[in-house]
Amino acid sequence: MAKKKNQTENVYIVDQELRPTVIGVVDETEKKPIFLIVIFIILVLVLFGLPYLTDMYTNLKSGTVSAPKTNTSNNNKKEENEVPQTSNDEPFYLMASNNPIKYDLVEISNLQFSQLNNKSYINFNLKNTSDKAFNITKQNYYLELYNSEKTLLERIKVLGNNLEINSSSNQLYEIKNTSAVQIKFLKKTVEDYPAFELSNTNGSITCKKDNETFIYKFKNNKLNNITEIYSYNASSGVFANVSTYKNKVSAYNALPGVTAQVSENASNFEFKADIDLSKTKIASLNNEHFYELDTLAKTVHFEMDAMGYTCN
C-alpha cells in the first residue's frame, strides 16, 4: 500500500511592522453638536428651576410645604361678572353687571348710580342669606369702587341695624364720583386697617361731613371721649330736623357721663353732646359713629373716612 505524502503548507514570514485593521469609522463630529445641545438644555433647566428647588428645600427643612391658595367661596364657581385676576385677594366684579354677588352672610344685587340734588349716590340691595339675624354695621362689610386700571377710587363702610333671615335692606350712599367700573365687596378686621398714629398720643381726630362734626379724644392713642355737634345756618338753606335733636338731648342726658344741649335762634341751630366713655356705655345710643372706650385711633380714622367723613 503506497504511503501518503505529508502535505505541508508553506509559511511565509513577511518582515514588516504590524498595522491595525480598520473595521469601521465612527464620525465623532456628528456626536459633538448633539452632546453640547443636551448639556445646554440641562444647564438652562437647572438655572430656571434653582429658585423652586431652593424654596422646596427651605420648606422641607422648616417642616412646612406651601400650597396654592384657593378661593372656596361661591362653591368654587366664578360669577359671570367676575373679572379674572392673579392675586388671592377678594375678586373684582363689573359694576355694570346685573348678576348678584354672594359673599359671607349676604348677597348684594342691583348696583347702580343715581343723582339727587346735585349729589352722586350708589345704591344696592343687601340680602341676608344666612340662617341667623345680624347687625349689618358690626359685620364690617366694605364696598370698594375701582376704575378700569383697578385703582381704588373710594371705600364705603356698609351700615345698618339688624337684618332678619331672608330679609333685605336697600343701601344708599353718597359718593364722590361715578366713574367706577369695577367693585369689590369684602369684610375687614381691625388688623386689616392701615397704621395710623396721632401727632400727639393724647390728641384728637375731628371728622366732618355736611352739618355734622364728631370730635374723638384719645389718651395713649385709645379713645376716651366723644363730642357730637350738629349745626346749621338758615342762610345756607340746609334743613335741620330740630325735633330729632331735641329728643336726643333728653335721651343723652339720661345716661351717666353724657351731657347734651341745643341752642337756637332765628338763623342758627346747634346741638352739642359730650360723652365720657369711661362712665357710660354708648351701645344704647345706637349711633354707628360712636365707639367704645379704648378703641384705637386707626379704627376711628379708617371707618369714619369710609363713612364719607373728612377726618384730620
Protein backbone atom coordinates (compact mmCIF):
# COMPACT_ATOMS: atom_id res chain seq x y z
CA MET A 1 0.00 0.00 0.00
CA ALA A 2 1.51 3.28 -1.02
CA LYS A 3 2.42 5.75 1.71
CA LYS A 4 0.70 9.08 1.83
CA LYS A 5 2.89 12.05 1.43
CA ASN A 6 2.74 14.57 4.24
CA GLN A 7 1.29 17.77 2.85
CA THR A 8 2.93 20.78 4.43
CA GLU A 9 1.77 24.32 3.78
CA ASN A 10 4.40 26.79 3.12
CA VAL A 11 4.54 29.67 5.69
CA TYR A 12 5.93 32.92 4.53
CA ILE A 13 7.27 35.42 7.04
CA VAL A 14 6.99 38.97 5.98
CA ASP A 15 9.43 41.26 7.67
CA GLN A 16 7.05 44.29 8.13
CA GLU A 17 5.53 46.24 11.08
CA LEU A 18 2.11 45.21 12.36
CA ARG A 19 -0.68 47.54 11.22
CA PRO A 20 -4.22 47.82 12.73
CA THR A 21 -7.07 46.60 10.65
CA VAL A 22 -9.80 49.18 10.20
CA ILE A 23 -13.25 47.64 10.61
CA GLY A 24 -15.32 50.86 10.61
CA VAL A 25 -15.03 54.56 11.26
CA VAL A 26 -17.07 56.44 13.89
CA ASP A 27 -17.65 60.04 12.93
CA GLU A 28 -17.12 61.98 16.23
CA THR A 29 -18.02 65.26 14.56
CA GLU A 30 -21.70 64.17 14.45
CA LYS A 31 -21.87 63.45 18.21
CA LYS A 32 -20.32 66.67 19.44
CA PRO A 33 -23.21 69.09 18.48
CA ILE A 34 -25.85 66.77 19.98
CA PHE A 35 -23.86 66.37 23.19
CA LEU A 36 -23.42 70.14 23.51
CA ILE A 37 -27.13 70.77 22.93
CA VAL A 38 -28.08 68.26 25.64
CA ILE A 39 -25.67 69.88 28.10
CA PHE A 40 -27.04 73.36 27.26
CA ILE A 41 -30.67 72.25 27.83
CA ILE A 42 -29.78 70.68 31.19
CA LEU A 43 -27.96 73.87 32.23
CA VAL A 44 -30.94 76.06 31.31
CA LEU A 45 -33.36 73.81 33.24
CA VAL A 46 -31.13 73.91 36.30
CA LEU A 47 -30.86 77.72 36.18
CA PHE A 48 -34.62 78.24 35.88
CA GLY A 49 -35.50 75.55 38.41
CA LEU A 50 -32.96 76.58 41.03
CA PRO A 51 -35.29 79.10 42.82
CA TYR A 52 -38.05 76.48 43.07
CA LEU A 53 -35.64 73.86 44.31
CA THR A 54 -34.34 76.33 46.90
CA ASP A 55 -37.88 77.12 48.11
CA MET A 56 -38.74 73.45 48.28
CA TYR A 57 -35.60 72.72 50.27
CA THR A 58 -36.32 75.59 52.64
CA ASN A 59 -39.93 74.47 53.20
CA LEU A 60 -38.90 70.87 53.76
CA LYS A 61 -36.19 71.96 56.17
CA SER A 62 -38.66 74.06 58.16
CA GLY A 63 -41.27 71.32 58.13
CA THR A 64 -43.80 73.24 56.02
CA VAL A 65 -44.94 72.89 52.45
CA SER A 66 -46.57 75.84 50.73
CA ALA A 67 -49.78 75.05 48.94
CA PRO A 68 -51.50 77.30 46.42
CA LYS A 69 -54.27 79.37 47.93
CA THR A 70 -57.74 78.82 46.58
CA ASN A 71 -60.92 80.81 46.93
CA THR A 72 -63.61 78.40 48.11
CA SER A 73 -66.38 80.98 48.21
CA ASN A 74 -69.41 80.68 45.96
CA ASN A 75 -68.97 76.88 45.80
CA ASN A 76 -65.76 77.34 43.76
CA LYS A 77 -67.78 78.75 40.86
CA LYS A 78 -66.77 82.03 39.26
CA GLU A 79 -69.56 84.52 38.84
CA GLU A 80 -70.17 85.59 35.26
CA ASN A 81 -69.39 89.18 36.13
CA GLU A 82 -66.14 88.40 37.94
CA VAL A 83 -63.02 89.96 36.44
CA PRO A 84 -60.12 87.46 36.27
CA GLN A 85 -57.12 88.31 38.44
CA THR A 86 -53.96 86.61 39.59
CA SER A 87 -53.98 87.64 43.27
CA ASN A 88 -55.63 85.67 46.06
CA ASP A 89 -57.49 88.74 47.30
CA GLU A 90 -61.25 89.12 47.01
CA PRO A 91 -62.33 89.21 43.34
CA PHE A 92 -63.25 92.24 41.27
CA TYR A 93 -66.75 92.46 39.80
CA LEU A 94 -68.04 94.53 36.92
CA MET A 95 -70.17 97.42 38.07
CA ALA A 96 -72.40 97.18 35.01
CA SER A 97 -73.33 93.53 35.57
CA ASN A 98 -76.75 92.59 36.93
CA ASN A 99 -75.53 89.33 38.44
CA PRO A 100 -75.85 89.16 42.24
CA ILE A 101 -72.69 88.87 44.33
CA LYS A 102 -72.70 86.32 47.14
CA TYR A 103 -70.30 86.91 49.99
CA ASP A 104 -70.16 85.65 53.57
CA LEU A 105 -73.68 86.04 55.05
CA VAL A 106 -75.15 88.25 52.33
CA GLU A 107 -75.96 88.73 48.69
CA ILE A 108 -75.81 92.14 47.01
CA SER A 109 -77.58 93.00 43.79
CA ASN A 110 -78.92 95.82 41.61
CA LEU A 111 -75.93 98.13 42.00
CA GLN A 112 -76.48 101.44 40.27
CA PHE A 113 -75.52 105.10 40.36
CA SER A 114 -78.04 107.89 40.86
CA GLN A 115 -78.16 111.67 41.14
CA LEU A 116 -80.16 113.73 43.63
CA ASN A 117 -79.86 117.46 44.43
CA ASN A 118 -76.57 117.70 42.54
CA LYS A 119 -75.07 114.86 44.58
CA SER A 120 -73.96 111.43 43.39
CA TYR A 121 -75.07 108.21 45.07
CA ILE A 122 -74.62 104.48 44.76
CA ASN A 123 -77.38 102.16 45.86
CA PHE A 124 -77.80 98.40 46.02
CA ASN A 125 -79.85 95.70 47.67
CA LEU A 126 -78.35 93.75 50.58
CA LYS A 127 -80.00 90.41 51.42
CA ASN A 128 -79.41 88.14 54.42
CA THR A 129 -78.76 84.66 53.00
CA SER A 130 -77.68 83.09 56.32
CA ASP A 131 -79.71 81.21 58.90
CA LYS A 132 -79.45 83.93 61.54
CA ALA A 133 -80.17 87.62 62.03
CA PHE A 134 -77.25 90.01 62.45
CA ASN A 135 -76.36 93.68 62.79
CA ILE A 136 -75.09 94.97 59.44
CA THR A 137 -72.71 97.59 60.83
CA LYS A 138 -70.99 95.09 63.12
CA GLN A 139 -70.19 92.76 60.21
CA ASN A 140 -67.62 95.29 58.93
CA TYR A 141 -68.57 94.93 55.26
CA TYR A 142 -66.98 97.29 52.75
CA LEU A 143 -67.85 98.18 49.18
CA GLU A 144 -64.79 99.36 47.22
CA LEU A 145 -65.02 101.24 43.92
CA TYR A 146 -62.27 100.93 41.28
CA ASN A 147 -61.54 102.32 37.83
CA SER A 148 -60.62 100.17 34.82
CA GLU A 149 -56.97 100.04 35.97
CA LYS A 150 -58.05 98.60 39.34
CA THR A 151 -57.10 101.81 41.13
CA LEU A 152 -59.14 102.33 44.31
CA LEU A 153 -61.39 105.36 43.97
CA GLU A 154 -63.48 105.15 47.10
CA ARG A 155 -64.27 102.86 50.01
CA ILE A 156 -67.72 102.62 51.64
CA LYS A 157 -68.45 101.05 55.01
CA VAL A 158 -71.81 99.28 54.81
CA LEU A 159 -74.13 100.37 57.65
CA GLY A 160 -77.40 99.20 59.08
CA ASN A 161 -79.22 97.72 62.05
CA ASN A 162 -80.48 94.17 62.48
CA LEU A 163 -81.18 92.24 59.29
CA GLU A 164 -83.53 89.30 59.76
CA ILE A 165 -83.28 85.94 57.99
CA ASN A 166 -84.16 86.21 54.26
CA SER A 167 -84.88 89.93 54.62
CA SER A 168 -83.29 92.70 52.55
CA SER A 169 -82.04 96.21 53.10
CA ASN A 170 -81.83 98.94 50.47
CA GLN A 171 -78.44 100.64 50.81
CA LEU A 172 -77.84 104.21 49.62
CA TYR A 173 -74.52 106.07 49.97
CA GLU A 174 -73.28 109.42 48.76
CA ILE A 175 -70.10 109.09 46.70
CA LYS A 176 -67.55 111.48 45.26
CA ASN A 177 -67.69 110.29 41.64
CA THR A 178 -69.48 107.83 39.39
CA SER A 179 -66.55 106.72 37.23
CA ALA A 180 -66.14 103.30 38.88
CA VAL A 181 -66.37 100.33 36.51
CA GLN A 182 -65.30 97.58 38.92
CA ILE A 183 -66.07 96.84 42.55
CA LYS A 184 -65.08 94.63 45.44
CA PHE A 185 -67.31 93.55 48.31
CA LEU A 186 -65.41 92.28 51.33
CA LYS A 187 -65.10 92.13 55.09
CA LYS A 188 -62.25 93.74 57.04
CA THR A 189 -60.93 93.36 60.55
CA VAL A 190 -59.03 95.88 62.65
CA GLU A 191 -55.84 94.03 61.68
CA ASP A 192 -56.55 94.94 58.04
CA TYR A 193 -56.72 98.66 58.79
CA PRO A 194 -53.60 100.67 57.94
CA ALA A 195 -51.49 102.04 60.77
CA PHE A 196 -52.43 105.50 62.00
CA GLU A 197 -50.76 107.43 64.78
CA LEU A 198 -51.80 110.74 66.25
CA SER A 199 -49.21 113.53 66.27
CA ASN A 200 -49.89 113.63 69.99
CA THR A 201 -50.82 110.39 71.76
CA ASN A 202 -53.31 112.39 73.84
CA GLY A 203 -54.61 114.22 70.78
CA SER A 204 -57.88 114.12 68.86
CA ILE A 205 -59.43 113.36 65.47
CA THR A 206 -62.08 115.72 64.04
CA CYS A 207 -64.38 114.27 61.38
CA LYS A 208 -66.77 116.48 59.39
CA LYS A 209 -69.48 115.90 56.83
CA ASP A 210 -72.16 118.42 55.86
CA ASN A 211 -73.57 119.76 59.15
CA GLU A 212 -72.17 117.01 61.35
CA THR A 213 -68.94 117.08 63.34
CA PHE A 214 -67.53 114.36 65.59
CA ILE A 215 -64.50 115.04 67.77
CA TYR A 216 -62.75 111.95 69.14
CA LYS A 217 -60.33 112.47 72.02
CA PHE A 218 -57.63 109.94 72.87
CA LYS A 219 -55.30 109.04 75.68
CA ASN A 220 -52.27 106.99 74.62
CA ASN A 221 -53.93 106.55 71.20
CA LYS A 222 -57.02 104.99 72.83
CA LEU A 223 -60.42 106.64 72.69
CA ASN A 224 -61.87 108.06 75.92
CA ASN A 225 -64.22 110.89 74.88
CA ILE A 226 -66.57 111.85 72.00
CA THR A 227 -68.13 115.19 71.19
CA GLU A 228 -71.04 115.24 68.73
CA ILE A 229 -72.07 118.53 67.07
CA TYR A 230 -74.84 119.27 64.61
CA SER A 231 -75.17 122.88 63.45
CA TYR A 232 -76.62 124.85 60.59
CA ASN A 233 -77.22 128.37 59.46
CA ALA A 234 -80.61 129.21 57.96
CA SER A 235 -78.94 131.22 55.21
CA SER A 236 -77.30 128.04 53.91
CA GLY A 237 -80.68 126.61 53.01
CA VAL A 238 -79.91 123.32 54.78
CA PHE A 239 -82.88 121.81 56.55
CA ALA A 240 -82.37 120.67 60.13
CA ASN A 241 -84.65 118.22 61.89
CA VAL A 242 -84.81 120.21 65.12
CA SER A 243 -87.23 117.88 66.87
CA THR A 244 -84.92 114.90 66.34
CA TYR A 245 -82.03 116.63 68.09
CA LYS A 246 -84.22 117.99 70.87
CA ASN A 247 -85.30 114.43 71.58
CA LYS A 248 -81.65 113.40 71.62
CA VAL A 249 -81.00 115.85 74.44
CA SER A 250 -83.42 114.03 76.70
CA ALA A 251 -82.09 110.58 75.81
CA TYR A 252 -78.43 111.58 76.18
CA ASN A 253 -78.81 113.40 79.48
CA ALA A 254 -80.48 110.34 80.99
CA LEU A 255 -77.16 108.48 80.75
CA PRO A 256 -74.27 108.82 83.20
CA GLY A 257 -71.23 110.66 81.82
CA VAL A 258 -73.22 112.34 79.00
CA THR A 259 -74.28 115.97 78.72
CA ALA A 260 -76.23 117.38 75.79
CA GLN A 261 -77.89 120.66 74.90
CA VAL A 262 -79.28 122.69 72.00
CA SER A 263 -79.03 126.38 71.24
CA GLU A 264 -81.04 128.15 68.58
CA ASN A 265 -82.26 131.48 67.32
CA ALA A 266 -83.93 132.75 64.17
CA SER A 267 -80.99 131.88 61.93
CA ASN A 268 -78.82 129.34 63.77
CA PHE A 269 -79.24 125.95 65.40
CA GLU A 270 -76.71 123.81 67.23
CA PHE A 271 -76.87 120.51 69.05
CA LYS A 272 -73.86 119.50 71.14
CA ALA A 273 -73.21 116.44 73.26
CA ASP A 274 -70.16 115.45 75.29
CA ILE A 275 -69.68 111.76 76.10
CA ASP A 276 -67.26 110.45 78.72
CA LEU A 277 -66.75 106.85 77.65
CA SER A 278 -65.26 105.84 80.98
CA LYS A 279 -68.64 106.49 82.62
CA THR A 280 -71.17 105.25 80.09
CA LYS A 281 -71.82 102.52 77.54
CA ILE A 282 -72.58 104.04 74.17
CA ALA A 283 -74.36 100.96 72.72
CA SER A 284 -77.70 102.29 73.98
CA LEU A 285 -77.28 105.46 71.88
CA ASN A 286 -77.46 103.41 68.66
CA ASN A 287 -75.10 105.60 66.63
CA GLU A 288 -72.63 103.99 64.19
CA HIS A 289 -70.32 106.99 64.67
CA PHE A 290 -69.80 106.20 68.34
CA TYR A 291 -67.05 103.85 69.52
CA GLU A 292 -66.41 102.08 72.79
CA LEU A 293 -63.81 103.12 75.35
CA ASP A 294 -60.19 102.38 74.34
CA THR A 295 -60.94 102.00 70.62
CA LEU A 296 -57.73 102.54 68.65
CA ALA A 297 -57.21 105.78 66.74
CA LYS A 298 -56.62 103.87 63.49
CA THR A 299 -60.07 102.24 63.77
CA VAL A 300 -61.86 105.57 64.18
CA HIS A 301 -59.91 107.23 61.37
CA PHE A 302 -60.32 104.37 58.86
CA GLU A 303 -64.01 103.72 59.47
CA MET A 304 -65.12 107.35 59.61
CA ASP A 305 -63.29 108.01 56.36
CA ALA A 306 -65.15 105.03 54.81
CA MET A 307 -68.40 106.62 56.03
CA GLY A 308 -67.73 109.71 53.93
CA TYR A 309 -66.29 111.99 56.60
CA THR A 310 -63.20 114.13 56.21
CA CYS A 311 -61.01 113.43 59.23
CA ASN A 312 -57.91 115.19 60.46
